[in-house]
Amino acid sequence: MTKDGAQALVGELSPTEAYELLGDNPEAVLVDVRTRAEWGFVGVPDLAELGRSTVFVEWARFPDMSINPRFVAEMEEKLGAAKPSHYLFICRSGARSMGAAMAVADHLSRTGEPVPCINVAEGFEGDLDAAGHRGGLNGWKARGLAWRQS
């Protein structure tokens, strides 16, 4: 529940389901909430074949990983006049993006604009494998979805 008692619209989809939603719904938007360093060194989702681009806004700031107090405002600034039908949030493994999804759902509910906010489960790199590495077990990259180095 949000602070005003309204039900927050937060869901979760697999990376493949998220990509399908983005392909089927031109008003849906993908927000990558990782850090600038992650975008630069690990890569980013590539929505070019859908004729779209990802919105990049840091949820937490490197190096102390403090929550960005202007996250919602920065996201809205980058979207401009666009009114997405769905917000999809992605991070490294799905934890930070859930926090971002909840914050945006709460904000939208309080402003009278409840829009589904969806966490991309597994994130961009996914969970650690037995060797302690990410990127091969699950996640956007391991599922074979389009990505590129930025």
C-alpha atoms as a PDB file:
ATOM      1  CA  MET A   1       0.000   0.000   0.000  1.00  0.00           C
ATOM      2  CA  THR A   2       1.119   3.521  -0.615  1.00  0.00           C
ATOM      3  CA  LYS A   3       1.125   6.198   2.061  1.00  0.00           C
ATOM      4  CA  ASP A   4      -2.352   7.404   1.054  1.00  0.00           C
ATOM      5  CA  GLY A   5      -3.801   3.880   1.115  1.00  0.00           C
ATOM      6  CA  ALA A   6      -3.924   3.400  -2.650  1.00  0.00           C
ATOM      7  CA  GLN A   7      -2.707   0.076  -3.986  1.00  0.00           C
ATOM      8  CA  ALA A   8       0.673   0.535  -5.667  1.00  0.00           C
ATOM      9  CA  LEU A   9       0.788  -1.003  -9.131  1.00  0.00           C
ATOM     10  CA  VAL A  10       4.057  -2.929  -8.985  1.00  0.00           C
ATOM     11  CA  GLY A  11       4.550  -6.181 -10.824  1.00  0.00           C
ATOM     12  CA  GLU A  12       7.412  -8.305 -12.052  1.00  0.00           C
ATOM     13  CA  LEU A  13       8.234  -9.888 -15.409  1.00  0.00           C
ATOM     14  CA  SER A  14      11.083 -12.011 -16.685  1.00  0.00           C
ATOM     15  CA  PRO A  15      13.484 -10.281 -19.075  1.00  0.00           C
ATOM     16  CA  THR A  16      11.897 -12.110 -22.029  1.00  0.00           C
ATOM     17  CA  GLU A  17       8.379 -11.092 -20.964  1.00  0.00           C
ATOM     18  CA  ALA A  18       9.557  -7.504 -20.468  1.00  0.00           C
ATOM     19  CA  TYR A  19      11.061  -7.404 -23.976  1.00  0.00           C
ATOM     20  CA  GLU A  20       7.822  -8.810 -25.419  1.00  0.00           C
ATOM     21  CA  LEU A  21       5.768  -6.145 -23.599  1.00  0.00           C
ATOM     22  CA  LEU A  22       8.072  -3.437 -24.953  1.00  0.00           C
ATOM     23  CA  GLY A  23       7.668  -4.875 -28.455  1.00  0.00           C
ATOM     24  CA  ASP A  24       3.886  -5.162 -28.203  1.00  0.00           C
ATOM     25  CA  ASN A  25       3.250  -1.813 -26.527  1.00  0.00           C
ATOM     26  CA  PRO A  26       4.887   1.276 -28.047  1.00  0.00           C
ATOM     27  CA  GLU A  27       3.864   3.391 -25.039  1.00  0.00           C
ATOM     28  CA  ALA A  28       5.762   1.187 -22.559  1.00  0.00           C
ATOM     29  CA  VAL A  29       9.184   2.474 -21.466  1.00  0.00           C
ATOM     30  CA  LEU A  30      12.287   0.720 -20.107  1.00  0.00           C
ATOM     31  CA  VAL A  31      14.194   2.599 -17.407  1.00  0.00           C
ATOM     32  CA  ASP A  32      17.714   1.338 -16.638  1.00  0.00           C
ATOM     33  CA  VAL A  33      18.438   2.364 -13.037  1.00  0.00           C
ATOM     34  CA  ARG A  34      22.029   1.134 -12.794  1.00  0.00           C
ATOM     35  CA  THR A  35      25.038   3.416 -12.372  1.00  0.00           C
ATOM     36  CA  ARG A  36      26.896   5.240 -15.139  1.00  0.00           C
ATOM     37  CA  ALA A  37      29.819   2.880 -14.559  1.00  0.00           C
ATOM     38  CA  GLU A  38      27.612  -0.165 -15.127  1.00  0.00           C
ATOM     39  CA  TRP A  39      26.177   1.300 -18.331  1.00  0.00           C
ATOM     40  CA  GLY A  40      29.681   2.008 -19.611  1.00  0.00           C
ATOM     41  CA  PHE A  41      31.505  -1.149 -18.558  1.00  0.00           C
ATOM     42  CA  VAL A  42      28.808  -3.862 -18.605  1.00  0.00           C
ATOM     43  CA  GLY A  43      26.579  -2.734 -21.478  1.00  0.00           C
ATOM     44  CA  VAL A  44      22.967  -1.674 -21.874  1.00  0.00           C
ATOM     45  CA  PRO A  45      19.721  -3.119 -23.221  1.00  0.00           C
ATOM     46  CA  ASP A  46      19.395  -2.380 -26.930  1.00  0.00           C
ATOM     47  CA  LEU A  47      15.848  -1.621 -28.077  1.00  0.00           C
ATOM     48  CA  ALA A  48      16.879  -0.423 -31.566  1.00  0.00           C
ATOM     49  CA  GLU A  49      15.101  -3.280 -33.351  1.00  0.00           C
ATOM     50  CA  LEU A  50      11.914  -2.110 -31.625  1.00  0.00           C
ATOM     51  CA  GLY A  51      12.592   1.444 -32.819  1.00  0.00           C
ATOM     52  CA  ARG A  52      12.945   2.555 -29.219  1.00  0.00           C
ATOM     53  CA  SER A  53      15.568   3.613 -26.733  1.00  0.00           C
ATOM     54  CA  THR A  54      16.126   2.983 -23.043  1.00  0.00           C
ATOM     55  CA  VAL A  55      15.825   5.755 -20.461  1.00  0.00           C
ATOM     56  CA  PHE A  56      18.879   5.953 -18.176  1.00  0.00           C
ATOM     57  CA  VAL A  57      18.506   7.323 -14.635  1.00  0.00           C
ATOM     58  CA  GLU A  58      20.643   6.245 -11.674  1.00  0.00           C
ATOM     59  CA  TRP A  59      18.599   4.964  -8.720  1.00  0.00           C
ATOM     60  CA  ALA A  60      21.692   4.850  -6.482  1.00  0.00           C
ATOM     61  CA  ARG A  61      24.851   6.905  -6.923  1.00  0.00           C
ATOM     62  CA  PHE A  62      28.295   5.323  -7.074  1.00  0.00           C
ATOM     63  CA  PRO A  63      30.476   4.961  -5.002  1.00  0.00           C
ATOM     64  CA  ASP A  64      28.434   5.121  -1.784  1.00  0.00           C
ATOM     65  CA  MET A  65      25.262   3.816  -3.487  1.00  0.00           C
ATOM     66  CA  SER A  66      23.093   6.423  -1.794  1.00  0.00           C
ATOM     67  CA  ILE A  67      19.582   6.669  -3.227  1.00  0.00           C
ATOM     68  CA  ASN A  68      19.224   9.446  -5.790  1.00  0.00           C
ATOM     69  CA  PRO A  69      16.755  11.884  -4.172  1.00  0.00           C
ATOM     70  CA  ARG A  70      15.879  13.275  -7.622  1.00  0.00           C
ATOM     71  CA  PHE A  71      15.266   9.904  -9.267  1.00  0.00           C
ATOM     72  CA  VAL A  72      11.577  10.456 -10.066  1.00  0.00           C
ATOM     73  CA  ALA A  73      12.135  14.066 -11.175  1.00  0.00           C
ATOM     74  CA  GLU A  74      15.075  13.085 -13.419  1.00  0.00           C
ATOM     75  CA  MET A  75      13.061  10.261 -14.963  1.00  0.00           C
ATOM     76  CA  GLU A  76      10.141  12.589 -15.678  1.00  0.00           C
ATOM     77  CA  GLU A  77      12.517  15.202 -17.151  1.00  0.00           C
ATOM     78  CA  LYS A  78      13.976  12.617 -19.535  1.00  0.00           C
ATOM     79  CA  LEU A  79      10.505  11.442 -20.587  1.00  0.00           C
ATOM     80  CA  GLY A  80       9.308  14.980 -21.259  1.00  0.00           C
ATOM     81  CA  ALA A  81       5.666  15.044 -22.334  1.00  0.00           C
ATOM     82  CA  ALA A  82       5.530  11.273 -22.886  1.00  0.00           C
ATOM     83  CA  LYS A  83       2.958   9.462 -20.748  1.00  0.00           C
ATOM     84  CA  PRO A  84       4.000   5.794 -20.683  1.00  0.00           C
ATOM     85  CA  SER A  85       1.393   3.043 -20.425  1.00  0.00           C
ATOM     86  CA  HIS A  86       3.858   0.927 -18.419  1.00  0.00           C
ATOM     87  CA  TYR A  87       7.165   1.660 -16.715  1.00  0.00           C
ATOM     88  CA  LEU A  88       9.633  -1.238 -16.739  1.00  0.00           C
ATOM     89  CA  PHE A  89      12.683  -0.961 -14.470  1.00  0.00           C
ATOM     90  CA  ILE A  90      15.929  -2.901 -14.809  1.00  0.00           C
ATOM     91  CA  CYS A  91      19.148  -3.008 -12.771  1.00  0.00           C
ATOM     92  CA  ARG A  92      21.943  -5.556 -12.384  1.00  0.00           C
ATOM     93  CA  SER A  93      19.952  -8.318 -10.672  1.00  0.00           C
ATOM     94  CA  GLY A  94      16.470  -6.981  -9.914  1.00  0.00           C
ATOM     95  CA  ALA A  95      16.890  -5.499  -6.415  1.00  0.00           C
ATOM     96  CA  ARG A  96      17.511  -1.800  -7.092  1.00  0.00           C
ATOM     97  CA  SER A  97      14.965  -1.799  -9.888  1.00  0.00           C
ATOM     98  CA  MET A  98      12.281  -3.076  -7.504  1.00  0.00           C
ATOM     99  CA  GLY A  99      12.987  -0.127  -5.202  1.00  0.00           C
ATOM    100  CA  ALA A 100      12.735   2.250  -8.163  1.00  0.00           C
ATOM    101  CA  ALA A 101       9.486   0.641  -9.346  1.00  0.00           C
ATOM    102  CA  MET A 102       7.957   0.986  -5.900  1.00  0.00           C
ATOM    103  CA  ALA A 103       9.037   4.625  -5.579  1.00  0.00           C
ATOM    104  CA  VAL A 104       7.598   5.572  -8.970  1.00  0.00           C
ATOM    105  CA  ALA A 105       4.367   3.626  -8.362  1.00  0.00           C
ATOM    106  CA  ASP A 106       3.953   5.436  -5.045  1.00  0.00           C
ATOM    107  CA  HIS A 107       4.630   8.818  -6.688  1.00  0.00           C
ATOM    108  CA  LEU A 108       2.195   8.167  -9.541  1.00  0.00           C
ATOM    109  CA  SER A 109      -0.490   6.919  -7.169  1.00  0.00           C
ATOM    110  CA  ARG A 110      -0.173  10.060  -5.033  1.00  0.00           C
ATOM    111  CA  THR A 111      -0.437  12.275  -8.112  1.00  0.00           C
ATOM    112  CA  GLY A 112      -3.542  10.467  -9.375  1.00  0.00           C
ATOM    113  CA  GLU A 113      -1.768   8.870 -12.339  1.00  0.00           C
ATOM    114  CA  PRO A 114      -1.464   5.197 -11.402  1.00  0.00           C
ATOM    115  CA  VAL A 115       0.468   3.445 -14.164  1.00  0.00           C
ATOM    116  CA  PRO A 116       1.787  -0.124 -13.893  1.00  0.00           C
ATOM    117  CA  CYS A 117       5.404  -0.217 -12.728  1.00  0.00           C
ATOM    118  CA  ILE A 118       7.173  -3.456 -13.530  1.00  0.00           C
ATOM    119  CA  ASN A 119      10.426  -4.799 -12.156  1.00  0.00           C
ATOM    120  CA  VAL A 120      12.480  -6.830 -14.636  1.00  0.00           C
ATOM    121  CA  ALA A 121      13.285  -9.912 -12.562  1.00  0.00           C
ATOM    122  CA  GLU A 122      16.865 -11.186 -12.847  1.00  0.00           C
ATOM    123  CA  GLY A 123      17.997  -7.782 -14.113  1.00  0.00           C
ATOM    124  CA  PHE A 124      20.551  -7.169 -16.830  1.00  0.00           C
ATOM    125  CA  GLU A 125      23.288  -9.495 -15.553  1.00  0.00           C
ATOM    126  CA  GLY A 126      21.302 -11.909 -13.399  1.00  0.00           C
ATOM    127  CA  ASP A 127      22.279 -13.896 -10.356  1.00  0.00           C
ATOM    128  CA  LEU A 128      25.723 -15.121  -9.398  1.00  0.00           C
ATOM    129  CA  ASP A 129      26.580 -18.577 -10.717  1.00  0.00           C
ATOM    130  CA  ALA A 130      28.502 -21.248  -8.783  1.00  0.00           C
ATOM    131  CA  ALA A 131      31.795 -19.578  -9.738  1.00  0.00           C
ATOM    132  CA  GLY A 132      30.603 -16.189  -8.455  1.00  0.00           C
ATOM    133  CA  HIS A 133      30.110 -14.649 -11.900  1.00  0.00           C
ATOM    134  CA  ARG A 134      27.122 -12.833 -13.362  1.00  0.00           C
ATOM    135  CA  GLY A 135      25.866 -12.781 -16.937  1.00  0.00           C
ATOM    136  CA  GLY A 136      25.571 -16.493 -17.690  1.00  0.00           C
ATOM    137  CA  LEU A 137      22.972 -17.950 -15.345  1.00  0.00           C
ATOM    138  CA  ASN A 138      19.992 -15.692 -16.032  1.00  0.00           C
ATOM    139  CA  GLY A 139      19.152 -12.048 -16.722  1.00  0.00           C
ATOM    140  CA  TRP A 140      18.707  -9.956 -19.875  1.00  0.00           C
ATOM    141  CA  LYS A 141      22.096 -10.858 -21.371  1.00  0.00           C
ATOM    142  CA  ALA A 142      21.911 -14.591 -20.583  1.00  0.00           C
ATOM    143  CA  ARG A 143      18.405 -14.785 -22.076  1.00  0.00           C
ATOM    144  CA  GLY A 144      19.880 -13.659 -25.402  1.00  0.00           C
ATOM    145  CA  LEU A 145      18.074 -10.329 -25.552  1.00  0.00           C
ATOM    146  CA  ALA A 146      19.580  -7.468 -27.535  1.00  0.00           C
ATOM    147  CA  TRP A 147      22.257  -5.444 -25.762  1.00  0.00           C
ATOM    148  CA  ARG A 148      25.291  -3.369 -26.654  1.00  0.00           C
ATOM    149  CA  GLN A 149      28.304  -1.726 -25.110  1.00  0.00           C
ATOM    150  CA  SER A 150      27.622   1.946 -24.545  1.00  0.00           C
END
